[in-house]
Each structure stands twice: as C-alpha cells, then as structure tokens.
Protein backbone atom coordinates (compact mmCIF):
# COMPACT_ATOMS: atom_id res chain seq x y z
CA MET A 1 110.42 106.31 100.01
CA SER A 2 108.22 104.32 97.68
CA LEU A 3 106.41 105.88 94.76
CA GLY A 4 103.04 105.23 96.44
CA THR A 5 104.10 107.02 99.62
CA ARG A 6 105.49 109.92 97.63
CA ILE A 7 102.22 110.36 95.70
CA PHE A 8 100.06 109.94 98.83
CA THR A 9 102.17 112.48 100.72
CA TRP A 10 102.02 114.99 97.87
CA TRP A 11 98.29 114.53 97.37
CA ARG A 12 96.96 114.13 100.92
CA GLY A 13 99.72 115.31 103.28
CA ALA A 14 100.35 118.60 105.03
CA LEU A 15 103.85 119.11 106.41
CA VAL A 16 103.76 119.59 110.19
CA GLY A 17 107.46 119.81 110.96
CA THR A 18 110.90 118.28 110.84
CA ASP A 19 113.24 116.97 113.52
CA GLN A 20 116.98 117.42 114.01
CA ALA A 21 117.68 114.27 111.94
CA GLY A 22 115.82 115.68 108.92
CA ASN A 23 112.78 113.40 109.20
CA ARG A 24 109.60 115.12 107.99
CA TYR A 25 106.23 114.66 109.72
CA PHE A 26 102.86 114.93 107.98
CA ARG A 27 99.16 114.88 108.75
CA GLU A 28 96.15 114.63 106.44
CA LYS A 29 95.13 117.88 104.78
CA ARG A 30 91.45 117.03 105.04
CA PRO A 31 90.71 114.40 107.71
CA ILE A 32 87.59 112.29 107.20
CA GLU A 33 84.70 113.16 109.50
CA GLY A 34 84.35 110.76 112.43
CA ARG A 35 87.87 109.35 112.07
CA ARG A 36 91.04 110.61 113.67
CA GLU A 37 93.55 112.21 111.37
CA ARG A 38 96.26 110.13 109.79
CA ARG A 39 99.84 111.01 110.79
CA TRP A 40 103.07 109.71 109.29
CA VAL A 41 106.80 110.28 108.97
CA VAL A 42 109.00 110.39 105.88
CA TYR A 43 112.49 109.40 106.99
CA ASN A 44 115.63 111.19 105.91
CA GLY A 45 117.59 108.13 104.78
CA GLU A 46 116.93 104.61 105.98
CA ALA A 47 113.44 103.94 107.32
CA GLU A 48 114.19 102.95 110.91
CA ALA A 49 111.55 103.60 113.58
CA SER A 50 114.11 104.12 116.35
CA ARG A 51 115.26 107.28 114.54
CA VAL A 52 112.08 109.09 115.64
CA PRO A 53 112.76 111.26 118.75
CA PRO A 54 110.47 110.74 121.77
CA GLU A 55 108.57 114.02 121.37
CA TRP A 56 107.65 113.22 117.75
CA HIS A 57 106.87 109.61 118.69
CA GLY A 58 104.27 110.94 121.14
CA TRP A 59 102.69 113.08 118.43
CA LEU A 60 102.66 110.24 115.87
CA HIS A 61 100.91 107.94 118.34
CA TYR A 62 98.27 110.52 119.40
CA VAL A 63 99.66 111.03 122.92
CA THR A 64 99.61 114.77 122.23
CA ASP A 65 97.45 116.71 119.80
CA GLU A 66 99.97 119.47 119.16
CA PRO A 67 103.23 118.72 117.35
CA PRO A 68 106.38 119.37 119.38
CA THR A 69 108.10 122.72 119.21
CA GLY A 70 111.79 123.42 119.71
CA ASP A 71 111.18 125.89 122.55
CA ARG A 72 110.80 123.23 125.25
CA PRO A 73 113.88 123.30 127.52
CA ARG A 74 115.86 120.12 128.09
CA ARG A 75 116.27 118.88 131.62
CA PRO A 76 119.85 118.36 132.88
CA TRP A 77 119.25 114.59 133.15
CA GLN A 78 117.97 114.23 129.58
CA ARG A 79 120.30 112.95 126.87
CA GLU A 80 120.21 113.59 123.17
CA HIS A 81 118.14 111.04 121.27
CA LEU A 82 120.12 108.20 119.69
CA PRO A 83 118.64 105.67 117.28
CA ASN A 84 119.13 101.95 117.85
CA LEU A 85 122.82 101.27 117.10
CA THR A 86 122.57 97.47 116.99
CA GLY A 87 124.36 96.12 113.93
CA THR A 88 126.45 99.25 113.44
CA PRO A 89 130.09 99.88 114.33
CA GLU A 90 128.91 102.15 117.19
CA ALA A 91 126.92 99.34 118.88
CA TYR A 92 127.74 98.44 122.47
CA ARG A 93 130.13 95.52 122.72
CA PRO A 94 130.94 94.24 126.21
CA PRO A 95 134.47 93.38 127.28
CA GLY A 96 135.50 90.04 125.82
CA SER A 97 133.17 90.27 122.84
CA ILE A 98 134.65 88.73 119.70
CA LEU A 99 133.52 91.86 117.87
CA LYS A 100 135.56 94.09 120.17
CA ASP A 101 138.96 92.70 121.14
CA GLY A 102 138.07 89.10 121.95
CA LYS A 103 139.95 89.06 125.25
CA ARG A 104 138.03 88.65 128.46
CA ALA A 105 139.15 89.06 132.03
CA ALA A 106 140.75 86.07 133.71
CA SER A 107 138.43 83.82 135.67
CA THR A 108 138.29 84.25 139.44
CA ALA A 109 138.70 80.46 139.91
CA ASP A 110 135.15 80.07 141.20
CA TYR A 111 134.20 78.21 138.05
CA GLU A 112 135.42 74.76 137.16
CA PRO A 113 134.19 73.20 133.93
CA TRP A 114 132.66 69.74 134.05
CA ARG A 115 134.84 66.98 132.66
CA PRO A 116 133.42 63.53 131.99
CA SER A 117 135.21 60.81 133.93
C-alpha cells in the first residue's frame, strides 16, 4: 500500500469488513452530499483485483448497499473463490504444454503437414 493510500484510509476511511483472504474494505466516514460514497479495498499482500470475492465485488461496485455478511449459506453448486492463477505454478496447463510435461498425445493420422514439392 502506498503512503498516500495509507494516509487517505486513516484520515477518511471507515472499516466495513474483511474477507477470508485478509483484504480490508473501507467506505468514506463522511460522504459528500449529492455524491455516492467512495468504497475501496486494501489488499492483504499483492494488489490483484481477482483476489476480491464475488460478494465483496458486488459491494465495491454498488450492486448492493449493504456489505456482505458471513451468515449467507453457500449453495451446493458454489465453489470457494479462487484468484486468477495465471502465471503461478498452480495455473492450468493443458496436456502437452511445455510448462507441464511437454508430451502430447499421438496424432490420430487425420492431419498431414504440408510439404513443398
């Protein structure tokens, strides 16, 4: 977090809540009349937008007025939130990727490369 963000958060921010990743969410202590309140997140670690869970994303983008609470039950089809794993060792790598094992399945002989005559 930059020094400017730290000072602004201390001076103008009111803590609303935290998520399971440790990110802290703030709103303005005294919103300006005629303007919607400012909302922001202070990340726990690297500032990566995909680390914000969907329920907090909705609050940050004014989809809901009330911040999320932990008492909402999860549906059986819902998964735990995962940030974007691209560029990390946990990223998806398809079979044959040079970053995985580099060996792909044998061709089914329906492809024949072009050779100049």
